[in-house]
Amino acid sequence: MKKKSGIIEEFKKFITRGNVMDMAVGVIVGSAFTAIVTSLNTDIISPILGIFGGVDFSDLQITLGTSKNAPVLKYGSFITAVINFLIIAMIIFLIIKIMNKISEGIKSKIDNEDEEIVDNTKVCPYCMEKIVKEASRCPHCTSIIKETDDSN
């Protein structure tokens, strides 16, 4: 019985690890997102393409044989699946591009704030530590800083 409980414990650890849970959430969100994109393609994009091209892809098929039970190749459904894939890929690309721009903007803002902090400092002439320019006393060595002393 000891080996069985060990395997169960290992399985519990595996299933509750963060990356497994993240993956599960990703699959669920991905499924919902796929349904949205499929609807976008089926209900909006395909009819618009049908206006310009005069073809509804979902009806395209070839019957292999002449009997009633002959297999049917529904290549129109395949074309629709390829279009769905391209739309999903494009939307994900645009979302990632937007997220990267937002991330760069936030990073740039943080970097600018850091530069402002650096610009607002001077060096204590006694202990050589950085202090705020407006400081009248060094917090490191407690020396009194003269107003005219603006060494950097």
N, C-alpha and C. Protein backbone atom coordinates (compact mmCIF):
# COMPACT_ATOMS: atom_id res chain seq x y z
N MET A 1 0.81 -1.21 0.00
CA MET A 1 0.00 0.00 0.00
C MET A 1 0.84 1.26 0.00
N LYS A 2 2.04 1.17 0.48
CA LYS A 2 2.88 2.35 0.60
C LYS A 2 3.20 2.95 -0.78
N LYS A 3 3.48 2.06 -1.77
CA LYS A 3 3.78 2.56 -3.10
C LYS A 3 2.58 3.25 -3.71
N LYS A 4 1.39 2.71 -3.49
CA LYS A 4 0.19 3.29 -4.06
C LYS A 4 -0.04 4.70 -3.51
N SER A 5 0.11 4.88 -2.20
CA SER A 5 -0.09 6.21 -1.62
C SER A 5 1.00 7.17 -2.09
N GLY A 6 2.21 6.64 -2.33
CA GLY A 6 3.28 7.49 -2.86
C GLY A 6 2.96 8.00 -4.25
N ILE A 7 2.40 7.13 -5.08
CA ILE A 7 2.02 7.52 -6.43
C ILE A 7 0.88 8.53 -6.38
N ILE A 8 -0.06 8.31 -5.48
CA ILE A 8 -1.18 9.24 -5.34
C ILE A 8 -0.67 10.60 -4.89
N GLU A 9 0.26 10.61 -3.94
CA GLU A 9 0.83 11.88 -3.48
C GLU A 9 1.57 12.59 -4.60
N GLU A 10 2.35 11.83 -5.38
CA GLU A 10 3.06 12.43 -6.50
C GLU A 10 2.08 13.01 -7.51
N PHE A 11 0.99 12.27 -7.78
CA PHE A 11 -0.02 12.75 -8.71
C PHE A 11 -0.67 14.03 -8.19
N LYS A 12 -0.97 14.08 -6.89
CA LYS A 12 -1.54 15.29 -6.30
C LYS A 12 -0.61 16.48 -6.47
N LYS A 13 0.69 16.26 -6.23
CA LYS A 13 1.67 17.34 -6.40
C LYS A 13 1.72 17.79 -7.85
N PHE A 14 1.70 16.84 -8.77
CA PHE A 14 1.77 17.16 -10.19
C PHE A 14 0.56 17.97 -10.63
N ILE A 15 -0.63 17.52 -10.22
CA ILE A 15 -1.85 18.13 -10.71
C ILE A 15 -2.08 19.51 -10.09
N THR A 16 -1.52 19.77 -8.91
CA THR A 16 -1.74 21.06 -8.26
C THR A 16 -0.61 22.05 -8.49
N ARG A 17 0.39 21.65 -9.27
CA ARG A 17 1.47 22.59 -9.59
C ARG A 17 0.89 23.75 -10.39
N GLY A 18 1.48 24.89 -10.27
CA GLY A 18 0.98 26.10 -10.92
C GLY A 18 0.91 25.98 -12.43
N ASN A 19 1.94 25.41 -13.06
CA ASN A 19 1.94 25.38 -14.52
C ASN A 19 0.85 24.47 -15.07
N VAL A 20 0.47 23.42 -14.37
CA VAL A 20 -0.61 22.55 -14.83
C VAL A 20 -1.93 23.31 -14.75
N MET A 21 -2.14 24.04 -13.68
CA MET A 21 -3.36 24.82 -13.54
C MET A 21 -3.41 25.93 -14.58
N ASP A 22 -2.28 26.58 -14.83
CA ASP A 22 -2.23 27.61 -15.86
C ASP A 22 -2.57 27.03 -17.23
N MET A 23 -2.05 25.84 -17.51
CA MET A 23 -2.34 25.19 -18.78
C MET A 23 -3.83 24.87 -18.89
N ALA A 24 -4.44 24.41 -17.83
CA ALA A 24 -5.87 24.09 -17.84
C ALA A 24 -6.69 25.34 -18.13
N VAL A 25 -6.35 26.43 -17.47
CA VAL A 25 -7.05 27.70 -17.71
C VAL A 25 -6.85 28.14 -19.15
N GLY A 26 -5.62 27.98 -19.66
CA GLY A 26 -5.34 28.35 -21.05
C GLY A 26 -6.16 27.54 -22.04
N VAL A 27 -6.33 26.25 -21.79
CA VAL A 27 -7.12 25.40 -22.68
C VAL A 27 -8.58 25.84 -22.66
N ILE A 28 -9.10 26.13 -21.48
CA ILE A 28 -10.51 26.56 -21.36
C ILE A 28 -10.72 27.89 -22.06
N VAL A 29 -9.85 28.85 -21.81
CA VAL A 29 -9.98 30.16 -22.45
C VAL A 29 -9.78 30.02 -23.96
N GLY A 30 -8.83 29.17 -24.37
CA GLY A 30 -8.60 28.95 -25.80
C GLY A 30 -9.81 28.36 -26.48
N SER A 31 -10.50 27.44 -25.82
CA SER A 31 -11.72 26.86 -26.40
C SER A 31 -12.79 27.92 -26.58
N ALA A 32 -12.98 28.75 -25.58
CA ALA A 32 -13.97 29.82 -25.69
C ALA A 32 -13.58 30.80 -26.79
N PHE A 33 -12.31 31.12 -26.88
CA PHE A 33 -11.81 32.05 -27.89
C PHE A 33 -12.01 31.46 -29.28
N THR A 34 -11.77 30.15 -29.43
CA THR A 34 -11.96 29.48 -30.71
C THR A 34 -13.41 29.57 -31.15
N ALA A 35 -14.34 29.40 -30.23
CA ALA A 35 -15.76 29.51 -30.56
C ALA A 35 -16.09 30.91 -31.07
N ILE A 36 -15.51 31.92 -30.45
CA ILE A 36 -15.74 33.30 -30.87
C ILE A 36 -15.19 33.52 -32.28
N VAL A 37 -13.97 33.07 -32.52
CA VAL A 37 -13.36 33.28 -33.83
C VAL A 37 -14.08 32.48 -34.91
N THR A 38 -14.52 31.27 -34.58
CA THR A 38 -15.27 30.47 -35.54
C THR A 38 -16.57 31.17 -35.91
N SER A 39 -17.25 31.73 -34.92
CA SER A 39 -18.48 32.49 -35.20
C SER A 39 -18.17 33.72 -36.04
N LEU A 40 -17.08 34.41 -35.73
CA LEU A 40 -16.67 35.57 -36.52
C LEU A 40 -16.48 35.18 -37.98
N ASN A 41 -15.80 34.05 -38.19
CA ASN A 41 -15.55 33.60 -39.55
C ASN A 41 -16.83 33.15 -40.24
N THR A 42 -17.61 32.30 -39.57
CA THR A 42 -18.82 31.73 -40.18
C THR A 42 -19.90 32.78 -40.41
N ASP A 43 -20.11 33.64 -39.42
CA ASP A 43 -21.25 34.56 -39.46
C ASP A 43 -20.94 35.91 -40.10
N ILE A 44 -19.67 36.29 -40.14
CA ILE A 44 -19.33 37.62 -40.64
C ILE A 44 -18.39 37.57 -41.84
N ILE A 45 -17.24 36.93 -41.69
CA ILE A 45 -16.22 37.00 -42.74
C ILE A 45 -16.59 36.17 -43.96
N SER A 46 -17.07 34.94 -43.76
CA SER A 46 -17.44 34.10 -44.92
C SER A 46 -18.53 34.74 -45.78
N PRO A 47 -19.59 35.29 -45.18
CA PRO A 47 -20.58 35.96 -46.04
C PRO A 47 -20.00 37.16 -46.80
N ILE A 48 -19.10 37.91 -46.16
CA ILE A 48 -18.47 39.04 -46.85
C ILE A 48 -17.62 38.54 -48.00
N LEU A 49 -16.84 37.47 -47.76
CA LEU A 49 -16.04 36.88 -48.85
C LEU A 49 -16.95 36.33 -49.94
N GLY A 50 -18.10 35.81 -49.55
CA GLY A 50 -19.06 35.30 -50.52
C GLY A 50 -19.59 36.40 -51.43
N ILE A 51 -19.74 37.60 -50.90
CA ILE A 51 -20.19 38.74 -51.72
C ILE A 51 -19.15 39.06 -52.78
N PHE A 52 -17.88 39.13 -52.37
CA PHE A 52 -16.83 39.51 -53.31
C PHE A 52 -16.43 38.37 -54.24
N GLY A 53 -16.38 37.16 -53.71
CA GLY A 53 -15.95 36.03 -54.52
C GLY A 53 -17.11 35.24 -55.10
N GLY A 54 -18.30 35.44 -54.56
CA GLY A 54 -19.46 34.72 -55.03
C GLY A 54 -19.46 33.25 -54.62
N VAL A 55 -18.61 32.86 -53.65
CA VAL A 55 -18.50 31.45 -53.26
C VAL A 55 -18.66 31.33 -51.75
N ASP A 56 -19.51 30.40 -51.33
CA ASP A 56 -19.62 30.06 -49.92
C ASP A 56 -18.80 28.79 -49.72
N PHE A 57 -17.70 28.88 -49.00
CA PHE A 57 -16.76 27.77 -48.88
C PHE A 57 -17.38 26.52 -48.25
N SER A 58 -18.31 26.69 -47.34
CA SER A 58 -18.84 25.54 -46.62
C SER A 58 -19.60 24.57 -47.52
N ASP A 59 -20.08 25.00 -48.67
CA ASP A 59 -20.83 24.13 -49.58
C ASP A 59 -19.94 23.43 -50.60
N LEU A 60 -18.67 23.72 -50.64
CA LEU A 60 -17.78 23.12 -51.63
C LEU A 60 -17.46 21.68 -51.24
N GLN A 61 -17.74 20.76 -52.15
CA GLN A 61 -17.49 19.34 -51.89
C GLN A 61 -17.41 18.58 -53.20
N ILE A 62 -16.78 17.41 -53.13
CA ILE A 62 -16.67 16.51 -54.28
C ILE A 62 -17.17 15.13 -53.83
N THR A 63 -18.06 14.57 -54.58
CA THR A 63 -18.55 13.22 -54.29
C THR A 63 -17.69 12.23 -55.06
N LEU A 64 -17.14 11.25 -54.36
CA LEU A 64 -16.27 10.25 -54.97
C LEU A 64 -17.09 9.01 -55.32
N GLY A 65 -17.62 8.99 -56.49
CA GLY A 65 -18.43 7.85 -56.93
C GLY A 65 -19.83 8.28 -57.26
N THR A 66 -20.62 7.29 -57.71
CA THR A 66 -21.98 7.61 -58.15
C THR A 66 -23.06 7.02 -57.25
N SER A 67 -22.70 6.16 -56.34
CA SER A 67 -23.72 5.54 -55.48
C SER A 67 -24.16 6.49 -54.37
N LYS A 68 -25.26 6.14 -53.71
CA LYS A 68 -25.78 6.98 -52.61
C LYS A 68 -24.82 7.03 -51.42
N ASN A 69 -24.08 5.98 -51.19
CA ASN A 69 -23.17 5.90 -50.05
C ASN A 69 -21.73 6.26 -50.43
N ALA A 70 -21.55 6.95 -51.53
CA ALA A 70 -20.20 7.33 -51.97
C ALA A 70 -19.62 8.36 -51.00
N PRO A 71 -18.33 8.23 -50.72
CA PRO A 71 -17.71 9.22 -49.81
C PRO A 71 -17.68 10.61 -50.43
N VAL A 72 -17.75 11.62 -49.54
CA VAL A 72 -17.78 13.01 -49.97
C VAL A 72 -16.60 13.74 -49.36
N LEU A 73 -15.83 14.39 -50.20
CA LEU A 73 -14.73 15.24 -49.72
C LEU A 73 -15.27 16.66 -49.57
N LYS A 74 -15.36 17.12 -48.34
CA LYS A 74 -15.87 18.46 -48.07
C LYS A 74 -14.68 19.42 -47.94
N TYR A 75 -14.08 19.73 -49.07
CA TYR A 75 -12.90 20.59 -49.04
C TYR A 75 -13.26 22.04 -48.69
N GLY A 76 -14.51 22.40 -48.84
CA GLY A 76 -14.95 23.74 -48.43
C GLY A 76 -14.83 23.91 -46.92
N SER A 77 -15.14 22.85 -46.18
CA SER A 77 -14.99 22.89 -44.72
C SER A 77 -13.52 23.04 -44.34
N PHE A 78 -12.66 22.38 -45.12
CA PHE A 78 -11.22 22.50 -44.88
C PHE A 78 -10.75 23.93 -45.13
N ILE A 79 -11.22 24.54 -46.22
CA ILE A 79 -10.86 25.93 -46.52
C ILE A 79 -11.33 26.84 -45.38
N THR A 80 -12.54 26.58 -44.88
CA THR A 80 -13.06 27.36 -43.74
C THR A 80 -12.18 27.17 -42.51
N ALA A 81 -11.72 25.94 -42.25
CA ALA A 81 -10.84 25.68 -41.10
C ALA A 81 -9.51 26.41 -41.27
N VAL A 82 -8.97 26.44 -42.49
CA VAL A 82 -7.72 27.17 -42.74
C VAL A 82 -7.93 28.66 -42.51
N ILE A 83 -9.06 29.19 -42.98
CA ILE A 83 -9.36 30.61 -42.76
C ILE A 83 -9.51 30.89 -41.26
N ASN A 84 -10.19 29.97 -40.54
CA ASN A 84 -10.31 30.12 -39.08
C ASN A 84 -8.94 30.19 -38.42
N PHE A 85 -8.05 29.27 -38.84
CA PHE A 85 -6.70 29.26 -38.29
C PHE A 85 -5.99 30.58 -38.55
N LEU A 86 -6.06 31.07 -39.78
CA LEU A 86 -5.38 32.32 -40.12
C LEU A 86 -5.95 33.50 -39.34
N ILE A 87 -7.27 33.50 -39.16
CA ILE A 87 -7.90 34.58 -38.38
C ILE A 87 -7.45 34.51 -36.92
N ILE A 88 -7.46 33.30 -36.35
CA ILE A 88 -7.02 33.13 -34.96
C ILE A 88 -5.57 33.58 -34.82
N ALA A 89 -4.72 33.13 -35.75
CA ALA A 89 -3.30 33.51 -35.69
C ALA A 89 -3.14 35.02 -35.79
N MET A 90 -3.89 35.67 -36.68
CA MET A 90 -3.79 37.13 -36.84
C MET A 90 -4.27 37.84 -35.57
N ILE A 91 -5.37 37.39 -35.00
CA ILE A 91 -5.89 38.03 -33.79
C ILE A 91 -4.92 37.86 -32.63
N ILE A 92 -4.36 36.66 -32.47
CA ILE A 92 -3.38 36.44 -31.41
C ILE A 92 -2.16 37.31 -31.63
N PHE A 93 -1.70 37.40 -32.90
CA PHE A 93 -0.57 38.27 -33.23
C PHE A 93 -0.86 39.71 -32.84
N LEU A 94 -2.05 40.21 -33.19
CA LEU A 94 -2.40 41.60 -32.87
C LEU A 94 -2.51 41.81 -31.36
N ILE A 95 -3.09 40.84 -30.65
CA ILE A 95 -3.20 40.96 -29.19
C ILE A 95 -1.81 41.02 -28.56
N ILE A 96 -0.91 40.14 -29.00
CA ILE A 96 0.45 40.13 -28.45
C ILE A 96 1.17 41.42 -28.80
N LYS A 97 0.97 41.90 -30.02
CA LYS A 97 1.59 43.16 -30.43
C LYS A 97 1.11 44.32 -29.56
N ILE A 98 -0.19 44.37 -29.30
CA ILE A 98 -0.75 45.42 -28.44
C ILE A 98 -0.21 45.28 -27.02
N MET A 99 -0.17 44.05 -26.50
CA MET A 99 0.34 43.83 -25.15
C MET A 99 1.82 44.24 -25.06
N ASN A 100 2.61 43.95 -26.09
CA ASN A 100 4.01 44.35 -26.09
C ASN A 100 4.15 45.86 -26.09
N LYS A 101 3.30 46.56 -26.87
CA LYS A 101 3.35 48.03 -26.88
C LYS A 101 3.01 48.59 -25.51
N ILE A 102 1.98 48.03 -24.89
CA ILE A 102 1.59 48.48 -23.54
C ILE A 102 2.73 48.20 -22.57
N SER A 103 3.31 47.02 -22.66
CA SER A 103 4.43 46.65 -21.78
C SER A 103 5.62 47.58 -21.98
N GLU A 104 5.94 47.90 -23.25
CA GLU A 104 7.04 48.82 -23.53
C GLU A 104 6.74 50.21 -22.97
N GLY A 105 5.48 50.65 -23.09
CA GLY A 105 5.09 51.95 -22.56
C GLY A 105 5.24 52.01 -21.05
N ILE A 106 4.82 50.94 -20.38
CA ILE A 106 4.95 50.89 -18.92
C ILE A 106 6.42 50.87 -18.53
N LYS A 107 7.21 50.05 -19.25
CA LYS A 107 8.64 49.96 -18.95
C LYS A 107 9.33 51.30 -19.19
N SER A 108 8.95 51.97 -20.28
CA SER A 108 9.53 53.27 -20.58
C SER A 108 9.17 54.28 -19.50
N LYS A 109 7.92 54.22 -19.02
CA LYS A 109 7.49 55.13 -17.96
C LYS A 109 8.28 54.87 -16.68
N ILE A 110 8.48 53.60 -16.36
CA ILE A 110 9.26 53.24 -15.17
C ILE A 110 10.70 53.72 -15.33
N ASP A 111 11.28 53.51 -16.52
CA ASP A 111 12.65 53.95 -16.77
C ASP A 111 12.77 55.46 -16.63
N ASN A 112 11.77 56.19 -17.14
CA ASN A 112 11.78 57.66 -17.03
C ASN A 112 11.68 58.10 -15.58
N GLU A 113 10.86 57.39 -14.79
CA GLU A 113 10.76 57.71 -13.37
C GLU A 113 12.09 57.46 -12.66
N ASP A 114 12.77 56.37 -13.04
CA ASP A 114 14.07 56.06 -12.46
C ASP A 114 15.08 57.14 -12.82
N GLU A 115 15.03 57.64 -14.06
CA GLU A 115 15.95 58.70 -14.47
C GLU A 115 15.69 59.97 -13.68
N GLU A 116 14.38 60.26 -13.44
CA GLU A 116 14.05 61.45 -12.66
C GLU A 116 14.62 61.33 -11.25
N ILE A 117 14.55 60.16 -10.67
CA ILE A 117 15.09 59.95 -9.33
C ILE A 117 16.60 60.15 -9.35
N VAL A 118 17.27 59.62 -10.36
CA VAL A 118 18.72 59.77 -10.46
C VAL A 118 19.08 61.24 -10.64
N ASP A 119 18.31 61.96 -11.45
CA ASP A 119 18.57 63.37 -11.67
C ASP A 119 18.34 64.20 -10.41
N ASN A 120 17.60 63.70 -9.47
CA ASN A 120 17.26 64.43 -8.26
C ASN A 120 18.21 64.10 -7.11
N THR A 121 19.42 63.60 -7.44
CA THR A 121 20.37 63.25 -6.38
C THR A 121 21.68 64.00 -6.55
N LYS A 122 22.42 64.03 -5.48
CA LYS A 122 23.78 64.55 -5.48
C LYS A 122 24.62 63.67 -4.58
N VAL A 123 25.90 63.86 -4.57
CA VAL A 123 26.80 63.04 -3.77
C VAL A 123 27.24 63.82 -2.54
N CYS A 124 27.15 63.18 -1.39
CA CYS A 124 27.61 63.81 -0.15
C CYS A 124 29.13 63.98 -0.24
N PRO A 125 29.65 65.17 0.01
CA PRO A 125 31.09 65.40 -0.12
C PRO A 125 31.90 64.71 0.98
N TYR A 126 31.24 64.24 2.01
CA TYR A 126 31.96 63.62 3.13
C TYR A 126 32.03 62.09 3.02
N CYS A 127 30.87 61.46 2.72
CA CYS A 127 30.87 59.99 2.67
C CYS A 127 30.70 59.44 1.25
N MET A 128 30.47 60.33 0.29
CA MET A 128 30.36 60.00 -1.13
C MET A 128 29.13 59.14 -1.46
N GLU A 129 28.13 59.14 -0.60
CA GLU A 129 26.88 58.42 -0.87
C GLU A 129 25.91 59.35 -1.59
N LYS A 130 25.02 58.77 -2.41
CA LYS A 130 24.02 59.57 -3.10
C LYS A 130 22.95 59.99 -2.11
N ILE A 131 22.55 61.26 -2.21
CA ILE A 131 21.49 61.79 -1.37
C ILE A 131 20.60 62.68 -2.24
N VAL A 132 19.43 63.00 -1.75
CA VAL A 132 18.51 63.89 -2.45
C VAL A 132 19.12 65.28 -2.48
N LYS A 133 18.98 65.98 -3.63
CA LYS A 133 19.59 67.31 -3.79
C LYS A 133 19.13 68.29 -2.72
N GLU A 134 17.87 68.21 -2.32
CA GLU A 134 17.33 69.17 -1.36
C GLU A 134 17.73 68.86 0.08
N ALA A 135 18.43 67.76 0.33
CA ALA A 135 18.79 67.37 1.70
C ALA A 135 19.77 68.38 2.30
N SER A 136 19.54 68.71 3.57
CA SER A 136 20.46 69.59 4.27
C SER A 136 21.39 68.79 5.19
N ARG A 137 21.09 67.51 5.37
CA ARG A 137 21.92 66.64 6.17
C ARG A 137 21.97 65.27 5.49
N CYS A 138 23.13 64.67 5.46
CA CYS A 138 23.31 63.35 4.84
C CYS A 138 22.71 62.28 5.74
N PRO A 139 21.82 61.43 5.20
CA PRO A 139 21.23 60.39 6.04
C PRO A 139 22.22 59.25 6.34
N HIS A 140 23.35 59.21 5.64
CA HIS A 140 24.31 58.13 5.83
C HIS A 140 25.35 58.48 6.90
N CYS A 141 25.94 59.69 6.76
CA CYS A 141 26.99 60.06 7.72
C CYS A 141 26.56 61.19 8.64
N THR A 142 25.36 61.70 8.46
CA THR A 142 24.74 62.78 9.25
C THR A 142 25.49 64.11 9.17
N SER A 143 26.35 64.27 8.17
CA SER A 143 27.04 65.55 7.99
C SER A 143 26.06 66.59 7.49
N ILE A 144 26.30 67.84 7.91
CA ILE A 144 25.48 68.95 7.44
C ILE A 144 25.99 69.35 6.07
N ILE A 145 25.07 69.41 5.11
CA ILE A 145 25.43 69.75 3.73
C ILE A 145 25.12 71.21 3.53
N LYS A 146 26.12 71.95 3.06
CA LYS A 146 25.93 73.36 2.81
C LYS A 146 25.06 73.55 1.58
N GLU A 147 24.26 74.62 1.56
CA GLU A 147 23.35 74.93 0.45
C GLU A 147 24.13 75.15 -0.84
N THR A 148 25.27 75.74 -0.79
CA THR A 148 26.03 76.07 -1.99
C THR A 148 26.74 74.87 -2.55
N ASP A 149 26.89 73.81 -1.75
CA ASP A 149 27.58 72.62 -2.21
C ASP A 149 26.63 71.80 -3.07
N ASP A 150 26.86 71.79 -4.39
CA ASP A 150 26.01 71.07 -5.33
C ASP A 150 26.81 70.10 -6.14
N SER A 151 27.75 69.39 -5.48
CA SER A 151 28.59 68.44 -6.21
C SER A 151 27.75 67.24 -6.60
N ASN A 152 28.07 66.67 -7.78
CA ASN A 152 27.30 65.53 -8.28
C ASN A 152 28.17 64.40 -8.58
